Amino acid sequence: ANISGGGEKGVPEGSRGYYRTAPFDPRFPNTNQTRNCYQNYLDYYRCLKTLGAKGKDTRPCQWYYRVYKSLCPISWVCGWERRGKGPRGKLG
């Protein structure tokens, strides 16, 4: 069963890779998770770029995807990409 808002199509609730809330990250101990959100967003696209350039499987990058989808409001992601501050701007 697909779970709407789960981040990945075809990942059933209860499977090993499914969660609704990002796990604790000791690099970001405070309640404000803005930096955590943005760092995982950047790490996802860096991972795709790095592994893709080497011709390797990019499935490990999905961890960053799930975390940033859990933490980041959609409006932020759209705004970063629209203003060129996301991976399609500075990183791409």
C-alpha atoms as a PDB file:
ATOM      1  CA  ALA A   1       0.000   0.000   0.000  1.00  0.00           C
ATOM      2  CA  ASN A   2       1.274   3.452  -0.841  1.00  0.00           C
ATOM      3  CA  ILE A   3       1.179   5.952   1.983  1.00  0.00           C
ATOM      4  CA  SER A   4       0.482   9.503   0.864  1.00  0.00           C
ATOM      5  CA  GLY A   5       3.126  11.899   2.075  1.00  0.00           C
ATOM      6  CA  GLY A   6       5.528   9.050   2.837  1.00  0.00           C
ATOM      7  CA  GLY A   7       8.108  10.319   0.372  1.00  0.00           C
ATOM      8  CA  GLU A   8       8.546   7.210  -1.754  1.00  0.00           C
ATOM      9  CA  LYS A   9       6.075   5.366  -3.901  1.00  0.00           C
ATOM     10  CA  GLY A  10       5.809   1.696  -3.174  1.00  0.00           C
ATOM     11  CA  VAL A  11       7.358   1.829   0.301  1.00  0.00           C
ATOM     12  CA  PRO A  12       4.784   0.241   2.581  1.00  0.00           C
ATOM     13  CA  GLU A  13       4.311   1.368   6.145  1.00  0.00           C
ATOM     14  CA  GLY A  14       6.137  -0.995   8.462  1.00  0.00           C
ATOM     15  CA  SER A  15       8.882  -1.787   5.963  1.00  0.00           C
ATOM     16  CA  ARG A  16      12.441  -1.245   7.062  1.00  0.00           C
ATOM     17  CA  GLY A  17      12.919   2.006   5.107  1.00  0.00           C
ATOM     18  CA  TYR A  18       9.669   3.692   6.160  1.00  0.00           C
ATOM     19  CA  TYR A  19       9.278   6.345   8.829  1.00  0.00           C
ATOM     20  CA  ARG A  20       7.321   9.557   9.176  1.00  0.00           C
ATOM     21  CA  THR A  21       9.713  11.428  11.458  1.00  0.00           C
ATOM     22  CA  ALA A  22      13.409  11.948  10.860  1.00  0.00           C
ATOM     23  CA  PRO A  23      15.729  10.208  13.319  1.00  0.00           C
ATOM     24  CA  PHE A  24      17.718  12.229  15.858  1.00  0.00           C
ATOM     25  CA  ASP A  25      20.890  13.737  14.396  1.00  0.00           C
ATOM     26  CA  PRO A  26      23.465  14.763  17.025  1.00  0.00           C
ATOM     27  CA  ARG A  27      24.857  17.405  14.641  1.00  0.00           C
ATOM     28  CA  PHE A  28      21.589  19.309  15.119  1.00  0.00           C
ATOM     29  CA  PRO A  29      20.635  18.943  18.807  1.00  0.00           C
ATOM     30  CA  ASN A  30      18.326  21.968  19.024  1.00  0.00           C
ATOM     31  CA  THR A  31      14.626  21.995  18.362  1.00  0.00           C
ATOM     32  CA  ASN A  32      15.031  24.287  15.342  1.00  0.00           C
ATOM     33  CA  GLN A  33      15.603  21.814  12.520  1.00  0.00           C
ATOM     34  CA  THR A  34      16.066  24.304   9.660  1.00  0.00           C
ATOM     35  CA  ARG A  35      19.765  23.530   9.194  1.00  0.00           C
ATOM     36  CA  ASN A  36      19.130  19.797   9.527  1.00  0.00           C
ATOM     37  CA  CYS A  37      16.455  20.029   6.825  1.00  0.00           C
ATOM     38  CA  TYR A  38      18.657  21.965   4.410  1.00  0.00           C
ATOM     39  CA  GLN A  39      21.762  19.824   5.046  1.00  0.00           C
ATOM     40  CA  ASN A  40      19.892  16.600   4.277  1.00  0.00           C
ATOM     41  CA  TYR A  41      18.376  18.235   1.184  1.00  0.00           C
ATOM     42  CA  LEU A  42      21.868  19.107  -0.060  1.00  0.00           C
ATOM     43  CA  ASP A  43      23.299  15.718   0.941  1.00  0.00           C
ATOM     44  CA  TYR A  44      20.608  13.918  -1.067  1.00  0.00           C
ATOM     45  CA  TYR A  45      21.520  15.703  -4.288  1.00  0.00           C
ATOM     46  CA  ARG A  46      25.259  15.436  -3.615  1.00  0.00           C
ATOM     47  CA  CYS A  47      24.847  11.703  -3.062  1.00  0.00           C
ATOM     48  CA  LEU A  48      22.902  11.322  -6.329  1.00  0.00           C
ATOM     49  CA  LYS A  49      25.512  13.316  -8.220  1.00  0.00           C
ATOM     50  CA  THR A  50      28.480  11.463  -6.716  1.00  0.00           C
ATOM     51  CA  LEU A  51      27.149   7.915  -7.008  1.00  0.00           C
ATOM     52  CA  GLY A  52      25.539   8.613 -10.385  1.00  0.00           C
ATOM     53  CA  ALA A  53      28.815   9.929 -11.808  1.00  0.00           C
ATOM     54  CA  LYS A  54      30.516   6.697 -10.729  1.00  0.00           C
ATOM     55  CA  GLY A  55      27.733   4.586 -12.226  1.00  0.00           C
ATOM     56  CA  LYS A  56      26.834   3.157  -8.824  1.00  0.00           C
ATOM     57  CA  ASP A  57      23.440   2.355  -7.343  1.00  0.00           C
ATOM     58  CA  THR A  58      21.868   5.505  -5.888  1.00  0.00           C
ATOM     59  CA  ARG A  59      19.470   3.682  -3.531  1.00  0.00           C
ATOM     60  CA  PRO A  60      21.589   4.604  -0.453  1.00  0.00           C
ATOM     61  CA  CYS A  61      20.743   8.253  -1.209  1.00  0.00           C
ATOM     62  CA  GLN A  62      17.099   7.562  -0.359  1.00  0.00           C
ATOM     63  CA  TRP A  63      17.927   7.882   3.347  1.00  0.00           C
ATOM     64  CA  TYR A  64      18.717  11.588   2.868  1.00  0.00           C
ATOM     65  CA  TYR A  65      15.581  11.938   0.730  1.00  0.00           C
ATOM     66  CA  ARG A  66      13.323  10.502   3.416  1.00  0.00           C
ATOM     67  CA  VAL A  67      14.883  12.696   6.095  1.00  0.00           C
ATOM     68  CA  TYR A  68      14.598  15.941   4.152  1.00  0.00           C
ATOM     69  CA  LYS A  69      11.053  15.080   3.051  1.00  0.00           C
ATOM     70  CA  SER A  70      10.188  14.512   6.707  1.00  0.00           C
ATOM     71  CA  LEU A  71      11.792  17.737   7.955  1.00  0.00           C
ATOM     72  CA  CYS A  72      11.406  20.295   5.164  1.00  0.00           C
ATOM     73  CA  PRO A  73       8.201  22.105   4.289  1.00  0.00           C
ATOM     74  CA  ILE A  74       7.446  21.757   0.577  1.00  0.00           C
ATOM     75  CA  SER A  75       7.345  25.532   0.220  1.00  0.00           C
ATOM     76  CA  TRP A  76      10.988  25.759   1.328  1.00  0.00           C
ATOM     77  CA  VAL A  77      12.153  23.168  -1.194  1.00  0.00           C
ATOM     78  CA  CYS A  78      10.213  24.862  -3.999  1.00  0.00           C
ATOM     79  CA  GLY A  79      11.641  28.218  -2.957  1.00  0.00           C
ATOM     80  CA  TRP A  80      15.248  26.977  -2.916  1.00  0.00           C
ATOM     81  CA  GLU A  81      14.892  25.486  -6.368  1.00  0.00           C
ATOM     82  CA  ARG A  82      13.063  28.533  -7.742  1.00  0.00           C
ATOM     83  CA  ARG A  83      15.742  30.937  -6.441  1.00  0.00           C
ATOM     84  CA  GLY A  84      18.600  28.738  -7.627  1.00  0.00           C
ATOM     85  CA  LYS A  85      19.897  27.987  -4.125  1.00  0.00           C
ATOM     86  CA  GLY A  86      19.192  24.289  -4.338  1.00  0.00           C
ATOM     87  CA  PRO A  87      21.095  21.544  -6.123  1.00  0.00           C
ATOM     88  CA  ARG A  88      19.838  22.581  -9.548  1.00  0.00           C
ATOM     89  CA  GLY A  89      21.386  26.004  -8.970  1.00  0.00           C
ATOM     90  CA  LYS A  90      24.688  26.025  -7.116  1.00  0.00           C
ATOM     91  CA  LEU A  91      25.322  22.272  -6.873  1.00  0.00           C
ATOM     92  CA  GLY A  92      24.077  21.109 -10.278  1.00  0.00           C
END
